[in-house]
Amino acid sequence: MSIEVEVQYRAEGATEWTTQTYAFDGASGDQQGHTRYLTLSSAMRPEVRMRRTTEKFDDSRIYDTVEWQTMRAELSTVESYPVLQRWR
C-alpha cells in the first residue's frame, strides 16, 4: 500500500507554485509519523499547501488518513553582530 502527497510552495504573493511529491509506504493498524525536509529554492516567506494525490482505500481495515501536523523553519545563522560590537 502506498500513499502519495503533493507539497507545493511559493514566495508570498507569487503566482507560480513549486511542487514536490512524497510517497509513504507501509501497512499497519497503528498511526505512522514521517518527517520530510523541503529545501526552498531561495530565501523567502513561503506559502505552503499540501494535498493527497492517491485515492483513499475502500477497506475498513486500512487506516489511510493523511494529516499535516507541523511545519518548522531552519533559519540561517548570523555570523556577526556589528551593532553589538559598537557597544563594547
N, C-alpha and C. Protein backbone atom coordinates (compact mmCIF):
# COMPACT_ATOMS: atom_id res chain seq x y z
N MET A 1 0.84 -1.17 0.00
CA MET A 1 0.00 0.00 0.00
C MET A 1 0.89 1.23 0.00
N SER A 2 0.60 2.17 -0.86
CA SER A 2 1.39 3.39 -0.95
C SER A 2 0.45 4.59 -1.07
N ILE A 3 0.80 5.65 -0.37
CA ILE A 3 0.04 6.89 -0.41
C ILE A 3 0.97 7.99 -0.89
N GLU A 4 0.50 8.83 -1.79
CA GLU A 4 1.30 9.95 -2.26
C GLU A 4 0.65 11.27 -1.87
N VAL A 5 1.49 12.22 -1.47
CA VAL A 5 1.03 13.57 -1.19
C VAL A 5 1.87 14.55 -2.00
N GLU A 6 1.27 15.65 -2.32
CA GLU A 6 1.93 16.70 -3.10
C GLU A 6 2.05 17.94 -2.22
N VAL A 7 3.26 18.43 -2.06
CA VAL A 7 3.50 19.65 -1.30
C VAL A 7 3.88 20.73 -2.29
N GLN A 8 3.23 21.88 -2.18
CA GLN A 8 3.53 23.00 -3.07
C GLN A 8 3.89 24.21 -2.23
N TYR A 9 4.83 25.00 -2.75
CA TYR A 9 5.20 26.24 -2.06
C TYR A 9 5.49 27.32 -3.09
N ARG A 10 5.38 28.55 -2.64
CA ARG A 10 5.74 29.71 -3.45
C ARG A 10 6.06 30.86 -2.52
N ALA A 11 6.76 31.84 -3.03
CA ALA A 11 7.04 33.04 -2.24
C ALA A 11 5.72 33.76 -2.03
N GLU A 12 5.57 34.39 -0.88
CA GLU A 12 4.34 35.10 -0.56
C GLU A 12 4.00 36.09 -1.68
N GLY A 13 2.79 36.00 -2.21
CA GLY A 13 2.33 36.89 -3.26
C GLY A 13 2.67 36.44 -4.67
N ALA A 14 3.51 35.41 -4.84
CA ALA A 14 3.85 34.91 -6.18
C ALA A 14 2.67 34.14 -6.76
N THR A 15 2.72 33.88 -8.06
CA THR A 15 1.61 33.18 -8.72
C THR A 15 1.94 31.73 -9.07
N GLU A 16 3.21 31.41 -9.24
CA GLU A 16 3.62 30.05 -9.64
C GLU A 16 4.01 29.22 -8.42
N TRP A 17 3.52 27.97 -8.38
CA TRP A 17 3.83 27.04 -7.29
C TRP A 17 4.96 26.11 -7.70
N THR A 18 5.83 25.76 -6.76
CA THR A 18 6.84 24.72 -6.94
C THR A 18 6.30 23.48 -6.25
N THR A 19 6.39 22.32 -6.92
CA THR A 19 5.78 21.09 -6.41
C THR A 19 6.81 20.04 -6.08
N GLN A 20 6.60 19.36 -4.95
CA GLN A 20 7.41 18.22 -4.53
C GLN A 20 6.45 17.10 -4.13
N THR A 21 6.66 15.89 -4.64
CA THR A 21 5.79 14.76 -4.33
C THR A 21 6.52 13.79 -3.40
N TYR A 22 5.79 13.27 -2.42
CA TYR A 22 6.33 12.31 -1.47
C TYR A 22 5.44 11.07 -1.46
N ALA A 23 6.07 9.89 -1.36
CA ALA A 23 5.34 8.63 -1.26
C ALA A 23 5.60 8.03 0.12
N PHE A 24 4.55 7.49 0.71
CA PHE A 24 4.64 6.85 2.02
C PHE A 24 4.15 5.42 1.87
N ASP A 25 4.98 4.47 2.31
CA ASP A 25 4.65 3.06 2.22
C ASP A 25 4.54 2.46 3.61
N GLY A 26 3.83 1.35 3.68
CA GLY A 26 3.77 0.62 4.94
C GLY A 26 2.34 0.36 5.35
N ALA A 27 2.06 -0.88 5.67
CA ALA A 27 0.74 -1.27 6.11
C ALA A 27 0.80 -1.52 7.61
N SER A 28 -0.05 -0.85 8.35
CA SER A 28 -0.06 -1.01 9.79
C SER A 28 -1.41 -0.58 10.33
N GLY A 29 -1.84 -1.21 11.40
CA GLY A 29 -3.05 -0.78 12.07
C GLY A 29 -2.79 0.39 13.00
N ASP A 30 -1.53 0.77 13.15
CA ASP A 30 -1.14 1.89 14.02
C ASP A 30 -0.86 3.13 13.19
N GLN A 31 -0.92 4.28 13.85
CA GLN A 31 -0.56 5.52 13.18
C GLN A 31 0.92 5.52 12.88
N GLN A 32 1.29 6.20 11.81
CA GLN A 32 2.69 6.34 11.44
C GLN A 32 3.01 7.82 11.32
N GLY A 33 4.22 8.17 11.67
CA GLY A 33 4.67 9.55 11.53
C GLY A 33 5.90 9.60 10.66
N HIS A 34 5.97 10.58 9.80
CA HIS A 34 7.10 10.72 8.89
C HIS A 34 7.56 12.17 8.90
N THR A 35 8.86 12.37 8.80
CA THR A 35 9.43 13.70 8.70
C THR A 35 10.03 13.84 7.31
N ARG A 36 9.70 14.92 6.64
CA ARG A 36 10.26 15.22 5.33
C ARG A 36 10.86 16.60 5.35
N TYR A 37 12.00 16.76 4.69
CA TYR A 37 12.67 18.05 4.61
C TYR A 37 12.47 18.61 3.21
N LEU A 38 12.20 19.88 3.14
CA LEU A 38 11.98 20.56 1.87
C LEU A 38 12.93 21.75 1.82
N THR A 39 13.81 21.78 0.84
CA THR A 39 14.73 22.88 0.67
C THR A 39 14.12 23.87 -0.32
N LEU A 40 13.91 25.08 0.11
CA LEU A 40 13.31 26.09 -0.75
C LEU A 40 14.33 26.57 -1.78
N SER A 41 13.84 27.06 -2.90
CA SER A 41 14.72 27.48 -4.00
C SER A 41 15.48 28.76 -3.69
N SER A 42 15.00 29.56 -2.73
CA SER A 42 15.68 30.79 -2.33
C SER A 42 15.13 31.20 -0.97
N ALA A 43 15.76 32.22 -0.37
CA ALA A 43 15.24 32.74 0.90
C ALA A 43 13.92 33.43 0.61
N MET A 44 12.89 33.09 1.36
CA MET A 44 11.55 33.65 1.10
C MET A 44 10.66 33.46 2.31
N ARG A 45 9.54 34.16 2.27
CA ARG A 45 8.46 33.90 3.22
C ARG A 45 7.45 33.05 2.44
N PRO A 46 7.44 31.73 2.67
CA PRO A 46 6.67 30.85 1.80
C PRO A 46 5.20 30.71 2.18
N GLU A 47 4.41 30.48 1.15
CA GLU A 47 3.04 29.99 1.30
C GLU A 47 3.14 28.51 0.95
N VAL A 48 2.57 27.64 1.78
CA VAL A 48 2.71 26.20 1.59
C VAL A 48 1.33 25.55 1.64
N ARG A 49 1.14 24.57 0.77
CA ARG A 49 -0.10 23.79 0.81
C ARG A 49 0.23 22.33 0.49
N MET A 50 -0.64 21.42 0.92
CA MET A 50 -0.42 20.00 0.74
C MET A 50 -1.74 19.34 0.38
N ARG A 51 -1.67 18.31 -0.46
CA ARG A 51 -2.86 17.52 -0.77
C ARG A 51 -2.47 16.09 -1.08
N ARG A 52 -3.38 15.22 -0.81
CA ARG A 52 -3.18 13.81 -1.12
C ARG A 52 -3.51 13.60 -2.60
N THR A 53 -2.69 12.83 -3.32
CA THR A 53 -2.93 12.62 -4.74
C THR A 53 -3.42 11.21 -5.06
N THR A 54 -3.35 10.29 -4.09
CA THR A 54 -3.87 8.94 -4.32
C THR A 54 -5.26 8.84 -3.70
N GLU A 55 -6.06 7.94 -4.25
CA GLU A 55 -7.41 7.71 -3.75
C GLU A 55 -7.35 7.00 -2.40
N LYS A 56 -8.35 7.25 -1.58
CA LYS A 56 -8.47 6.56 -0.29
C LYS A 56 -8.92 5.12 -0.55
N PHE A 57 -8.36 4.18 0.21
CA PHE A 57 -8.72 2.78 0.04
C PHE A 57 -10.11 2.52 0.62
N ASP A 58 -10.88 1.68 -0.06
CA ASP A 58 -12.25 1.37 0.38
C ASP A 58 -12.24 0.06 1.17
N ASP A 59 -11.51 0.07 2.28
CA ASP A 59 -11.38 -1.12 3.12
C ASP A 59 -11.34 -0.63 4.57
N SER A 60 -12.29 -1.04 5.37
CA SER A 60 -12.38 -0.55 6.75
C SER A 60 -11.22 -1.03 7.63
N ARG A 61 -10.44 -2.00 7.16
CA ARG A 61 -9.29 -2.49 7.92
C ARG A 61 -8.03 -1.64 7.67
N ILE A 62 -8.10 -0.74 6.70
CA ILE A 62 -6.94 0.08 6.35
C ILE A 62 -7.19 1.51 6.80
N TYR A 63 -6.30 2.01 7.64
CA TYR A 63 -6.38 3.40 8.09
C TYR A 63 -5.39 4.21 7.26
N ASP A 64 -5.91 4.99 6.34
CA ASP A 64 -5.02 5.71 5.43
C ASP A 64 -5.34 7.20 5.36
N THR A 65 -5.68 7.76 6.49
CA THR A 65 -5.93 9.20 6.58
C THR A 65 -4.59 9.92 6.63
N VAL A 66 -4.49 11.03 5.92
CA VAL A 66 -3.26 11.83 5.90
C VAL A 66 -3.53 13.15 6.60
N GLU A 67 -2.67 13.49 7.55
CA GLU A 67 -2.79 14.76 8.27
C GLU A 67 -1.43 15.45 8.31
N TRP A 68 -1.44 16.75 8.10
CA TRP A 68 -0.23 17.56 8.23
C TRP A 68 -0.21 18.07 9.65
N GLN A 69 0.84 17.75 10.39
CA GLN A 69 0.90 18.10 11.80
C GLN A 69 1.66 19.39 12.09
N THR A 70 2.88 19.52 11.57
CA THR A 70 3.74 20.62 11.97
C THR A 70 4.64 21.04 10.82
N MET A 71 4.92 22.33 10.75
CA MET A 71 5.92 22.83 9.82
C MET A 71 6.87 23.71 10.59
N ARG A 72 8.16 23.50 10.37
CA ARG A 72 9.19 24.29 11.05
C ARG A 72 10.13 24.87 10.01
N ALA A 73 10.79 25.94 10.38
CA ALA A 73 11.78 26.57 9.50
C ALA A 73 13.15 26.52 10.15
N GLU A 74 14.15 26.31 9.35
CA GLU A 74 15.53 26.39 9.82
C GLU A 74 16.11 27.67 9.24
N LEU A 75 16.40 28.62 10.11
CA LEU A 75 16.89 29.91 9.66
C LEU A 75 18.41 29.91 9.59
N SER A 76 18.94 30.70 8.67
CA SER A 76 20.40 30.79 8.55
C SER A 76 20.98 31.44 9.80
N THR A 77 22.20 31.10 10.12
CA THR A 77 22.86 31.58 11.32
C THR A 77 23.55 32.92 11.07
N VAL A 78 23.40 33.84 11.98
CA VAL A 78 24.10 35.11 11.91
C VAL A 78 25.53 34.88 12.40
N GLU A 79 26.50 35.34 11.61
CA GLU A 79 27.90 35.09 11.98
C GLU A 79 28.53 36.26 12.73
N SER A 80 27.92 37.43 12.67
CA SER A 80 28.45 38.56 13.44
C SER A 80 27.30 39.52 13.76
N TYR A 81 27.50 40.30 14.78
CA TYR A 81 26.51 41.27 15.22
C TYR A 81 27.18 42.64 15.27
N PRO A 82 27.30 43.34 14.14
CA PRO A 82 28.02 44.61 14.11
C PRO A 82 27.44 45.66 15.06
N VAL A 83 26.16 45.68 15.27
CA VAL A 83 25.54 46.66 16.16
C VAL A 83 26.02 46.44 17.59
N LEU A 84 26.12 45.21 18.03
CA LEU A 84 26.56 44.90 19.38
C LEU A 84 28.05 45.21 19.58
N GLN A 85 28.84 45.10 18.55
CA GLN A 85 30.28 45.37 18.67
C GLN A 85 30.55 46.84 18.97
N ARG A 86 29.66 47.74 18.55
CA ARG A 86 29.83 49.16 18.82
C ARG A 86 29.68 49.48 20.30
N TRP A 87 28.99 48.62 21.06
CA TRP A 87 28.72 48.89 22.47
C TRP A 87 29.85 48.43 23.38
N ARG A 88 30.87 47.83 22.85
CA ARG A 88 31.98 47.34 23.68
C ARG A 88 32.91 48.43 24.07
